[in-house]
Amino acid sequence: MEITITKDADYVILTPKGRMDATTVVSFDSTAQSVLTEGFKDILVDFQDLVYMSSAGLRSLLGLAKKTKAVQGHLCFCSLQPMVAEVFRISGFDRMLQVCADREAGLAALKA
């Protein structure tokens, strides 16, 4: 999995590409932890290029949500592709976590 990191003064956008599963989730966890360690509290995860997510990916996102909340930050997900959106829906993550249609809406949610 490739992860593009876009940093702004107030937030960071993580854009994972490919698959988020037991093999690749370690890379996502490491990247997310590094931006939190740098002091970023507000994170937008843009799934525009993510085509698959397993339960390991869901566990990773739940961990990121807890870490973001612990530092009084905000976390938002956007641009879910159909398969990933279905995984979010079936697992109930679409009701537990903030999900926006696109990057623009996600950034607006972070700023709210």
C-alpha atoms as a PDB file:
ATOM      1  CA  MET A   1       0.000   0.000   0.000  1.00  0.00           C
ATOM      2  CA  GLU A   2       1.177   3.487  -0.839  1.00  0.00           C
ATOM      3  CA  ILE A   3       0.138   6.351   1.432  1.00  0.00           C
ATOM      4  CA  THR A   4       0.252   9.944   0.265  1.00  0.00           C
ATOM      5  CA  ILE A   5       0.574  12.479   3.068  1.00  0.00           C
ATOM      6  CA  THR A   6      -0.624  16.055   2.516  1.00  0.00           C
ATOM      7  CA  LYS A   7       0.163  18.420   5.376  1.00  0.00           C
ATOM      8  CA  ASP A   8      -1.404  21.785   6.115  1.00  0.00           C
ATOM      9  CA  ALA A   9      -0.861  24.001   9.128  1.00  0.00           C
ATOM     10  CA  ASP A  10      -4.061  22.767  10.782  1.00  0.00           C
ATOM     11  CA  TYR A  11      -4.565  19.223   9.485  1.00  0.00           C
ATOM     12  CA  VAL A  12      -3.101  16.309   7.577  1.00  0.00           C
ATOM     13  CA  ILE A  13      -4.660  14.224   4.801  1.00  0.00           C
ATOM     14  CA  LEU A  14      -3.714  10.560   4.488  1.00  0.00           C
ATOM     15  CA  THR A  15      -4.540   8.968   1.135  1.00  0.00           C
ATOM     16  CA  PRO A  16      -3.902   5.214   1.154  1.00  0.00           C
ATOM     17  CA  LYS A  17      -3.814   3.468  -2.215  1.00  0.00           C
ATOM     18  CA  GLY A  18      -4.513  -0.187  -2.899  1.00  0.00           C
ATOM     19  CA  ARG A  19      -5.557  -2.617  -0.187  1.00  0.00           C
ATOM     20  CA  MET A  20      -5.775  -2.254   3.580  1.00  0.00           C
ATOM     21  CA  ASP A  21      -5.439  -5.730   5.023  1.00  0.00           C
ATOM     22  CA  ALA A  22      -3.433  -7.621   7.641  1.00  0.00           C
ATOM     23  CA  THR A  23      -0.271  -7.310   5.539  1.00  0.00           C
ATOM     24  CA  THR A  24      -0.478  -3.609   4.676  1.00  0.00           C
ATOM     25  CA  VAL A  25      -2.174  -2.162   7.759  1.00  0.00           C
ATOM     26  CA  VAL A  26       1.169  -1.957   9.581  1.00  0.00           C
ATOM     27  CA  SER A  27       2.256   0.722   7.109  1.00  0.00           C
ATOM     28  CA  PHE A  28      -0.954   2.709   7.670  1.00  0.00           C
ATOM     29  CA  ASP A  29      -0.635   2.442  11.457  1.00  0.00           C
ATOM     30  CA  SER A  30       2.976   3.620  11.329  1.00  0.00           C
ATOM     31  CA  THR A  31       2.124   6.582   9.101  1.00  0.00           C
ATOM     32  CA  ALA A  32      -0.844   7.610  11.245  1.00  0.00           C
ATOM     33  CA  GLN A  33       1.213   7.356  14.436  1.00  0.00           C
ATOM     34  CA  SER A  34       3.973   9.460  12.904  1.00  0.00           C
ATOM     35  CA  VAL A  35       1.609  12.340  12.017  1.00  0.00           C
ATOM     36  CA  LEU A  36       0.136  12.240  15.519  1.00  0.00           C
ATOM     37  CA  THR A  37       3.650  12.297  16.979  1.00  0.00           C
ATOM     38  CA  GLU A  38       4.416  15.347  14.813  1.00  0.00           C
ATOM     39  CA  GLY A  39       1.552  17.116  16.577  1.00  0.00           C
ATOM     40  CA  PHE A  40      -1.220  16.884  14.008  1.00  0.00           C
ATOM     41  CA  LYS A  41      -4.550  16.386  15.762  1.00  0.00           C
ATOM     42  CA  ASP A  42      -6.961  16.732  12.850  1.00  0.00           C
ATOM     43  CA  ILE A  43      -6.745  13.973  10.251  1.00  0.00           C
ATOM     44  CA  LEU A  44      -8.701  13.383   7.066  1.00  0.00           C
ATOM     45  CA  VAL A  45      -8.335   9.910   5.575  1.00  0.00           C
ATOM     46  CA  ASP A  46      -9.207  10.055   1.876  1.00  0.00           C
ATOM     47  CA  PHE A  47     -10.093   6.607   0.541  1.00  0.00           C
ATOM     48  CA  GLN A  48     -10.390   7.654  -3.115  1.00  0.00           C
ATOM     49  CA  ASP A  49      -7.671   5.158  -4.108  1.00  0.00           C
ATOM     50  CA  LEU A  50      -8.428   2.364  -1.627  1.00  0.00           C
ATOM     51  CA  VAL A  51     -10.096  -0.620  -3.296  1.00  0.00           C
ATOM     52  CA  TYR A  52     -10.227  -3.145  -0.451  1.00  0.00           C
ATOM     53  CA  MET A  53     -10.438  -3.161   3.335  1.00  0.00           C
ATOM     54  CA  SER A  54     -10.382  -6.165   5.648  1.00  0.00           C
ATOM     55  CA  SER A  55     -11.274  -6.437   9.313  1.00  0.00           C
ATOM     56  CA  ALA A  56      -7.623  -5.641  10.091  1.00  0.00           C
ATOM     57  CA  GLY A  57      -8.145  -2.308   8.356  1.00  0.00           C
ATOM     58  CA  LEU A  58     -11.238  -1.643  10.425  1.00  0.00           C
ATOM     59  CA  ARG A  59      -9.328  -2.387  13.643  1.00  0.00           C
ATOM     60  CA  SER A  60      -6.629   0.031  12.543  1.00  0.00           C
ATOM     61  CA  LEU A  61      -9.175   2.793  11.914  1.00  0.00           C
ATOM     62  CA  LEU A  62     -10.780   2.210  15.295  1.00  0.00           C
ATOM     63  CA  GLY A  63      -7.354   2.506  16.924  1.00  0.00           C
ATOM     64  CA  LEU A  64      -6.697   5.738  15.037  1.00  0.00           C
ATOM     65  CA  ALA A  65     -10.077   7.098  16.154  1.00  0.00           C
ATOM     66  CA  LYS A  66      -9.200   6.381  19.792  1.00  0.00           C
ATOM     67  CA  LYS A  67      -5.748   7.966  19.484  1.00  0.00           C
ATOM     68  CA  THR A  68      -7.158  11.051  17.770  1.00  0.00           C
ATOM     69  CA  LYS A  69      -9.825  11.441  20.445  1.00  0.00           C
ATOM     70  CA  ALA A  70      -7.177  11.071  23.181  1.00  0.00           C
ATOM     71  CA  VAL A  71      -5.345  14.138  21.842  1.00  0.00           C
ATOM     72  CA  GLN A  72      -8.646  16.023  21.426  1.00  0.00           C
ATOM     73  CA  GLY A  73      -8.381  15.918  17.653  1.00  0.00           C
ATOM     74  CA  HIS A  74     -10.824  15.254  14.861  1.00  0.00           C
ATOM     75  CA  LEU A  75     -10.894  12.374  12.415  1.00  0.00           C
ATOM     76  CA  CYS A  76     -12.893  12.172   9.225  1.00  0.00           C
ATOM     77  CA  PHE A  77     -13.027   9.713   6.317  1.00  0.00           C
ATOM     78  CA  CYS A  78     -14.024  10.599   2.769  1.00  0.00           C
ATOM     79  CA  SER A  79     -14.346   9.341  -0.794  1.00  0.00           C
ATOM     80  CA  LEU A  80     -15.127   5.742   0.147  1.00  0.00           C
ATOM     81  CA  GLN A  81     -15.088   3.482  -2.889  1.00  0.00           C
ATOM     82  CA  PRO A  82     -18.060   1.084  -3.205  1.00  0.00           C
ATOM     83  CA  MET A  83     -16.388  -1.960  -1.614  1.00  0.00           C
ATOM     84  CA  VAL A  84     -14.939   0.054   1.265  1.00  0.00           C
ATOM     85  CA  ALA A  85     -18.264   1.865   1.762  1.00  0.00           C
ATOM     86  CA  GLU A  86     -19.996  -1.520   2.006  1.00  0.00           C
ATOM     87  CA  VAL A  87     -17.507  -2.714   4.649  1.00  0.00           C
ATOM     88  CA  PHE A  88     -18.127   0.502   6.621  1.00  0.00           C
ATOM     89  CA  ARG A  89     -21.903   0.017   6.320  1.00  0.00           C
ATOM     90  CA  ILE A  90     -21.938  -3.663   7.327  1.00  0.00           C
ATOM     91  CA  SER A  91     -19.625  -3.063  10.297  1.00  0.00           C
ATOM     92  CA  GLY A  92     -21.533   0.029  11.468  1.00  0.00           C
ATOM     93  CA  PHE A  93     -18.457   2.217  11.133  1.00  0.00           C
ATOM     94  CA  ASP A  94     -20.456   4.629   8.972  1.00  0.00           C
ATOM     95  CA  ARG A  95     -22.514   5.394  12.087  1.00  0.00           C
ATOM     96  CA  MET A  96     -19.630   5.417  14.595  1.00  0.00           C
ATOM     97  CA  LEU A  97     -17.131   7.486  12.606  1.00  0.00           C
ATOM     98  CA  GLN A  98     -17.494  10.667  10.606  1.00  0.00           C
ATOM     99  CA  VAL A  99     -17.736   9.875   6.897  1.00  0.00           C
ATOM    100  CA  CYS A 100     -18.066  12.529   4.193  1.00  0.00           C
ATOM    101  CA  ALA A 101     -18.762  12.216   0.488  1.00  0.00           C
ATOM    102  CA  ASP A 102     -15.586  13.894  -0.755  1.00  0.00           C
ATOM    103  CA  ARG A 103     -12.412  15.691   0.288  1.00  0.00           C
ATOM    104  CA  GLU A 104     -14.030  19.120   0.289  1.00  0.00           C
ATOM    105  CA  ALA A 105     -16.787  17.980   2.649  1.00  0.00           C
ATOM    106  CA  GLY A 106     -14.239  16.173   4.818  1.00  0.00           C
ATOM    107  CA  LEU A 107     -12.090  19.272   5.217  1.00  0.00           C
ATOM    108  CA  ALA A 108     -15.180  21.344   6.051  1.00  0.00           C
ATOM    109  CA  ALA A 109     -16.102  18.760   8.723  1.00  0.00           C
ATOM    110  CA  LEU A 110     -12.625  18.970  10.249  1.00  0.00           C
ATOM    111  CA  LYS A 111     -12.870  22.752  10.469  1.00  0.00           C
ATOM    112  CA  ALA A 112     -16.349  22.706  12.016  1.00  0.00           C
END
